[in-house]
Amino acid sequence: MTKIDLKDFIRKINNKPWQPLDVAKVNNQIVRIAYFKGEFNWHKHKDEDELFYIYEGSITIQVRNKPDIVLNKGEMALISKNVEHCPKSKRGAYVLMFEPAILKSKGNNI
């Protein structure tokens, strides 16, 4: 059994955006945390779904040809495989991502 304090990971991130850290591996899944600030790139994951959970702050996930998804602290959203998306955050946010361990954390650029 392992106790995880997300504040330790936040200190390691030190407000460096878009550089995820692996928090825990659970079976074939991985939990990552990253600081989102500014806009990432448009991308999609061909074979993997991705779940975003907002630990602190707020983000917007732009989804091609669909309304934006706005998430605040304590909220989450599932982005299905093959869905082109682009996360962004004006003020900054710490986000947990639950995804298959094989997922490239930078996505597949379009």
N, C-alpha and C. Protein backbone atom coordinates (compact mmCIF):
# COMPACT_ATOMS: atom_id res chain seq x y z
N MET A 1 0.85 -1.18 0.00
CA MET A 1 0.00 0.00 0.00
C MET A 1 0.89 1.23 0.00
N THR A 2 0.51 2.19 -0.81
CA THR A 2 1.30 3.40 -0.95
C THR A 2 0.41 4.62 -0.76
N LYS A 3 0.86 5.51 0.10
CA LYS A 3 0.16 6.78 0.28
C LYS A 3 0.78 7.80 -0.67
N ILE A 4 -0.06 8.54 -1.38
CA ILE A 4 0.41 9.51 -2.35
C ILE A 4 -0.08 10.90 -1.94
N ASP A 5 0.84 11.83 -1.85
CA ASP A 5 0.49 13.22 -1.57
C ASP A 5 0.72 14.03 -2.84
N LEU A 6 -0.36 14.46 -3.46
CA LEU A 6 -0.24 15.19 -4.73
C LEU A 6 0.53 16.49 -4.58
N LYS A 7 0.56 17.05 -3.39
CA LYS A 7 1.32 18.29 -3.17
C LYS A 7 2.81 18.08 -3.43
N ASP A 8 3.31 16.87 -3.16
CA ASP A 8 4.71 16.55 -3.47
C ASP A 8 4.97 16.63 -4.97
N PHE A 9 4.04 16.14 -5.76
CA PHE A 9 4.19 16.19 -7.22
C PHE A 9 4.06 17.62 -7.73
N ILE A 10 3.16 18.39 -7.13
CA ILE A 10 2.99 19.79 -7.54
C ILE A 10 4.28 20.57 -7.29
N ARG A 11 4.95 20.30 -6.18
CA ARG A 11 6.23 20.97 -5.91
C ARG A 11 7.27 20.60 -6.97
N LYS A 12 7.28 19.35 -7.40
CA LYS A 12 8.23 18.92 -8.43
C LYS A 12 7.94 19.58 -9.78
N ILE A 13 6.67 19.78 -10.08
CA ILE A 13 6.29 20.41 -11.35
C ILE A 13 6.75 21.86 -11.38
N ASN A 14 6.61 22.54 -10.23
CA ASN A 14 7.09 23.92 -10.09
C ASN A 14 6.55 24.85 -11.18
N ASN A 15 5.27 24.73 -11.48
CA ASN A 15 4.59 25.58 -12.46
C ASN A 15 5.16 25.49 -13.87
N LYS A 16 5.81 24.39 -14.22
CA LYS A 16 6.29 24.18 -15.59
C LYS A 16 5.15 23.53 -16.38
N PRO A 17 4.56 24.25 -17.32
CA PRO A 17 3.39 23.71 -18.01
C PRO A 17 3.70 22.57 -18.98
N TRP A 18 2.71 21.69 -19.09
CA TRP A 18 2.67 20.63 -20.09
C TRP A 18 3.77 19.60 -19.95
N GLN A 19 4.23 19.36 -18.73
CA GLN A 19 5.25 18.35 -18.48
C GLN A 19 4.71 17.35 -17.44
N PRO A 20 3.93 16.38 -17.89
CA PRO A 20 3.29 15.47 -16.93
C PRO A 20 4.28 14.60 -16.16
N LEU A 21 3.91 14.34 -14.92
CA LEU A 21 4.66 13.41 -14.08
C LEU A 21 3.77 12.20 -13.79
N ASP A 22 4.36 11.02 -13.82
CA ASP A 22 3.63 9.82 -13.47
C ASP A 22 3.44 9.77 -11.96
N VAL A 23 2.20 9.62 -11.52
CA VAL A 23 1.87 9.57 -10.10
C VAL A 23 1.76 8.12 -9.63
N ALA A 24 1.03 7.30 -10.40
CA ALA A 24 0.82 5.91 -10.00
C ALA A 24 0.42 5.08 -11.21
N LYS A 25 0.82 3.82 -11.18
CA LYS A 25 0.38 2.87 -12.19
C LYS A 25 -0.62 1.94 -11.54
N VAL A 26 -1.76 1.76 -12.19
CA VAL A 26 -2.82 0.89 -11.67
C VAL A 26 -3.18 -0.09 -12.79
N ASN A 27 -2.75 -1.32 -12.64
CA ASN A 27 -2.92 -2.32 -13.69
C ASN A 27 -2.29 -1.79 -14.97
N ASN A 28 -3.05 -1.65 -16.03
CA ASN A 28 -2.50 -1.15 -17.30
C ASN A 28 -2.79 0.34 -17.50
N GLN A 29 -3.19 1.00 -16.44
CA GLN A 29 -3.49 2.43 -16.50
C GLN A 29 -2.42 3.22 -15.74
N ILE A 30 -2.32 4.50 -16.08
CA ILE A 30 -1.39 5.36 -15.37
C ILE A 30 -2.13 6.64 -14.98
N VAL A 31 -1.80 7.15 -13.82
CA VAL A 31 -2.31 8.44 -13.37
C VAL A 31 -1.15 9.42 -13.48
N ARG A 32 -1.38 10.50 -14.22
CA ARG A 32 -0.37 11.53 -14.39
C ARG A 32 -0.92 12.85 -13.89
N ILE A 33 -0.02 13.73 -13.46
CA ILE A 33 -0.41 15.08 -13.08
C ILE A 33 0.43 16.05 -13.88
N ALA A 34 -0.21 17.14 -14.30
CA ALA A 34 0.51 18.16 -15.06
C ALA A 34 -0.08 19.52 -14.73
N TYR A 35 0.73 20.53 -14.94
CA TYR A 35 0.28 21.91 -14.81
C TYR A 35 -0.08 22.39 -16.21
N PHE A 36 -1.34 22.77 -16.39
CA PHE A 36 -1.81 23.29 -17.67
C PHE A 36 -1.80 24.81 -17.60
N LYS A 37 -1.11 25.44 -18.52
CA LYS A 37 -1.11 26.91 -18.60
C LYS A 37 -0.86 27.28 -20.04
N GLY A 38 -1.70 28.17 -20.58
CA GLY A 38 -1.62 28.51 -21.98
C GLY A 38 -2.42 27.48 -22.78
N GLU A 39 -2.02 27.27 -24.01
CA GLU A 39 -2.73 26.33 -24.87
C GLU A 39 -1.79 25.23 -25.33
N PHE A 40 -2.26 24.00 -25.26
CA PHE A 40 -1.51 22.85 -25.75
C PHE A 40 -1.70 22.77 -27.26
N ASN A 41 -1.37 21.67 -27.88
CA ASN A 41 -1.58 21.52 -29.32
C ASN A 41 -2.81 20.66 -29.60
N TRP A 42 -3.39 20.84 -30.77
CA TRP A 42 -4.49 19.98 -31.21
C TRP A 42 -3.91 18.59 -31.46
N HIS A 43 -4.58 17.58 -30.93
CA HIS A 43 -4.12 16.21 -31.10
C HIS A 43 -5.27 15.24 -30.83
N LYS A 44 -5.01 14.00 -31.11
CA LYS A 44 -5.97 12.93 -30.77
C LYS A 44 -5.17 11.68 -30.45
N HIS A 45 -5.82 10.77 -29.78
CA HIS A 45 -5.21 9.50 -29.43
C HIS A 45 -5.98 8.42 -30.20
N LYS A 46 -5.29 7.76 -31.08
CA LYS A 46 -5.94 6.83 -32.01
C LYS A 46 -6.67 5.68 -31.31
N ASP A 47 -6.07 5.14 -30.27
CA ASP A 47 -6.63 3.93 -29.68
C ASP A 47 -6.97 4.04 -28.19
N GLU A 48 -6.77 5.21 -27.60
CA GLU A 48 -6.94 5.32 -26.15
C GLU A 48 -7.88 6.46 -25.76
N ASP A 49 -8.72 6.18 -24.76
CA ASP A 49 -9.52 7.23 -24.12
C ASP A 49 -8.64 7.94 -23.11
N GLU A 50 -9.07 9.14 -22.70
CA GLU A 50 -8.31 9.93 -21.73
C GLU A 50 -9.30 10.62 -20.79
N LEU A 51 -9.02 10.54 -19.50
CA LEU A 51 -9.89 11.17 -18.50
C LEU A 51 -9.11 12.28 -17.81
N PHE A 52 -9.68 13.47 -17.77
CA PHE A 52 -9.07 14.63 -17.12
C PHE A 52 -9.85 14.93 -15.84
N TYR A 53 -9.14 15.09 -14.72
CA TYR A 53 -9.75 15.48 -13.45
C TYR A 53 -9.03 16.74 -12.96
N ILE A 54 -9.79 17.78 -12.66
CA ILE A 54 -9.19 19.05 -12.24
C ILE A 54 -8.97 19.02 -10.73
N TYR A 55 -7.71 18.99 -10.35
CA TYR A 55 -7.33 19.00 -8.94
C TYR A 55 -7.38 20.42 -8.38
N GLU A 56 -6.92 21.37 -9.19
CA GLU A 56 -6.90 22.77 -8.76
C GLU A 56 -6.94 23.66 -10.01
N GLY A 57 -7.77 24.70 -9.99
CA GLY A 57 -7.86 25.62 -11.11
C GLY A 57 -8.99 25.27 -12.05
N SER A 58 -8.87 25.70 -13.30
CA SER A 58 -9.88 25.40 -14.31
C SER A 58 -9.21 25.34 -15.69
N ILE A 59 -9.81 24.54 -16.56
CA ILE A 59 -9.31 24.41 -17.92
C ILE A 59 -10.49 24.42 -18.89
N THR A 60 -10.18 24.61 -20.14
CA THR A 60 -11.13 24.44 -21.23
C THR A 60 -10.54 23.41 -22.17
N ILE A 61 -11.34 22.43 -22.53
CA ILE A 61 -10.91 21.47 -23.54
C ILE A 61 -11.68 21.79 -24.81
N GLN A 62 -10.95 22.26 -25.80
CA GLN A 62 -11.56 22.52 -27.09
C GLN A 62 -11.69 21.18 -27.81
N VAL A 63 -12.83 20.95 -28.41
CA VAL A 63 -13.08 19.70 -29.13
C VAL A 63 -13.52 20.08 -30.54
N ARG A 64 -12.86 19.50 -31.53
CA ARG A 64 -13.13 19.84 -32.92
C ARG A 64 -14.60 19.63 -33.26
N ASN A 65 -15.25 20.68 -33.78
CA ASN A 65 -16.64 20.65 -34.25
C ASN A 65 -17.66 20.37 -33.15
N LYS A 66 -17.30 20.67 -31.90
CA LYS A 66 -18.23 20.49 -30.78
C LYS A 66 -18.01 21.65 -29.81
N PRO A 67 -18.97 21.88 -28.91
CA PRO A 67 -18.77 22.95 -27.92
C PRO A 67 -17.58 22.64 -27.01
N ASP A 68 -16.92 23.70 -26.55
CA ASP A 68 -15.82 23.55 -25.59
C ASP A 68 -16.34 22.92 -24.30
N ILE A 69 -15.47 22.21 -23.61
CA ILE A 69 -15.78 21.64 -22.31
C ILE A 69 -15.02 22.45 -21.27
N VAL A 70 -15.73 23.13 -20.38
CA VAL A 70 -15.12 23.92 -19.32
C VAL A 70 -15.17 23.10 -18.03
N LEU A 71 -14.00 22.92 -17.42
CA LEU A 71 -13.90 22.13 -16.20
C LEU A 71 -13.28 22.95 -15.08
N ASN A 72 -13.87 22.87 -13.90
CA ASN A 72 -13.37 23.54 -12.71
C ASN A 72 -12.95 22.51 -11.67
N LYS A 73 -12.33 22.98 -10.62
CA LYS A 73 -11.85 22.12 -9.54
C LYS A 73 -12.90 21.08 -9.15
N GLY A 74 -12.48 19.81 -9.10
CA GLY A 74 -13.37 18.73 -8.71
C GLY A 74 -14.18 18.13 -9.85
N GLU A 75 -14.06 18.67 -11.06
CA GLU A 75 -14.81 18.15 -12.20
C GLU A 75 -13.90 17.34 -13.11
N MET A 76 -14.52 16.49 -13.92
CA MET A 76 -13.75 15.66 -14.84
C MET A 76 -14.48 15.52 -16.16
N ALA A 77 -13.71 15.12 -17.19
CA ALA A 77 -14.29 14.87 -18.51
C ALA A 77 -13.54 13.73 -19.16
N LEU A 78 -14.28 12.95 -19.91
CA LEU A 78 -13.73 11.85 -20.68
C LEU A 78 -13.62 12.28 -22.14
N ILE A 79 -12.44 12.13 -22.70
CA ILE A 79 -12.23 12.37 -24.12
C ILE A 79 -12.03 11.00 -24.75
N SER A 80 -12.94 10.62 -25.61
CA SER A 80 -12.88 9.30 -26.24
C SER A 80 -11.77 9.24 -27.28
N LYS A 81 -11.30 8.04 -27.53
CA LYS A 81 -10.27 7.84 -28.55
C LYS A 81 -10.72 8.44 -29.88
N ASN A 82 -9.77 8.90 -30.64
CA ASN A 82 -9.97 9.47 -31.97
C ASN A 82 -10.69 10.82 -31.97
N VAL A 83 -10.87 11.43 -30.82
CA VAL A 83 -11.50 12.75 -30.75
C VAL A 83 -10.40 13.80 -30.71
N GLU A 84 -10.38 14.68 -31.69
CA GLU A 84 -9.38 15.73 -31.75
C GLU A 84 -9.71 16.79 -30.70
N HIS A 85 -8.71 17.10 -29.86
CA HIS A 85 -8.94 18.04 -28.76
C HIS A 85 -7.70 18.87 -28.48
N CYS A 86 -7.92 19.97 -27.77
CA CYS A 86 -6.83 20.88 -27.42
C CYS A 86 -7.14 21.52 -26.07
N PRO A 87 -6.48 21.09 -25.01
CA PRO A 87 -6.71 21.71 -23.69
C PRO A 87 -6.00 23.05 -23.56
N LYS A 88 -6.59 23.92 -22.76
CA LYS A 88 -5.96 25.21 -22.48
C LYS A 88 -6.42 25.71 -21.12
N SER A 89 -5.61 26.60 -20.55
CA SER A 89 -5.95 27.22 -19.27
C SER A 89 -5.34 28.62 -19.22
N LYS A 90 -6.17 29.59 -18.99
CA LYS A 90 -5.68 30.98 -18.91
C LYS A 90 -4.90 31.22 -17.63
N ARG A 91 -5.43 30.79 -16.50
CA ARG A 91 -4.82 31.10 -15.20
C ARG A 91 -3.93 29.99 -14.66
N GLY A 92 -4.01 28.82 -15.26
CA GLY A 92 -3.23 27.68 -14.79
C GLY A 92 -4.07 26.72 -13.98
N ALA A 93 -3.75 25.44 -14.10
CA ALA A 93 -4.51 24.41 -13.38
C ALA A 93 -3.64 23.16 -13.23
N TYR A 94 -3.84 22.46 -12.12
CA TYR A 94 -3.21 21.15 -11.93
C TYR A 94 -4.25 20.10 -12.28
N VAL A 95 -3.88 19.23 -13.20
CA VAL A 95 -4.82 18.28 -13.77
C VAL A 95 -4.28 16.87 -13.65
N LEU A 96 -5.13 15.97 -13.16
CA LEU A 96 -4.82 14.54 -13.16
C LEU A 96 -5.37 13.94 -14.45
N MET A 97 -4.55 13.12 -15.09
CA MET A 97 -4.96 12.44 -16.31
C MET A 97 -4.90 10.95 -16.06
N PHE A 98 -5.99 10.28 -16.33
CA PHE A 98 -6.09 8.84 -16.17
C PHE A 98 -6.11 8.25 -17.58
N GLU A 99 -5.11 7.46 -17.90
CA GLU A 99 -4.97 7.00 -19.28
C GLU A 99 -4.22 5.67 -19.33
N PRO A 100 -4.32 4.96 -20.44
CA PRO A 100 -3.54 3.73 -20.57
C PRO A 100 -2.05 4.04 -20.47
N ALA A 101 -1.31 3.15 -19.85
CA ALA A 101 0.12 3.37 -19.65
C ALA A 101 0.87 3.53 -20.98
N ILE A 102 0.35 2.94 -22.04
CA ILE A 102 1.02 3.03 -23.34
C ILE A 102 0.78 4.36 -24.06
N LEU A 103 -0.13 5.18 -23.52
CA LEU A 103 -0.47 6.44 -24.18
C LEU A 103 0.72 7.39 -24.18
N LYS A 104 1.00 7.96 -25.32
CA LYS A 104 2.03 9.00 -25.41
C LYS A 104 1.44 10.24 -24.75
N SER A 105 2.08 10.74 -23.74
CA SER A 105 1.52 11.85 -22.98
C SER A 105 1.41 13.13 -23.79
N LYS A 106 2.05 13.21 -24.92
CA LYS A 106 1.96 14.40 -25.76
C LYS A 106 0.94 14.23 -26.87
N GLY A 107 0.30 13.07 -26.98
CA GLY A 107 -0.71 12.86 -28.00
C GLY A 107 -0.10 12.71 -29.39
N ASN A 108 -0.97 12.57 -30.35
CA ASN A 108 -0.55 12.47 -31.75
C ASN A 108 -0.89 13.79 -32.41
N ASN A 109 0.09 14.56 -32.78
CA ASN A 109 -0.15 15.85 -33.40
C ASN A 109 -0.93 15.68 -34.69
N ILE A 110 -1.76 16.64 -34.97
CA ILE A 110 -2.57 16.63 -36.20
C ILE A 110 -1.84 17.45 -37.25
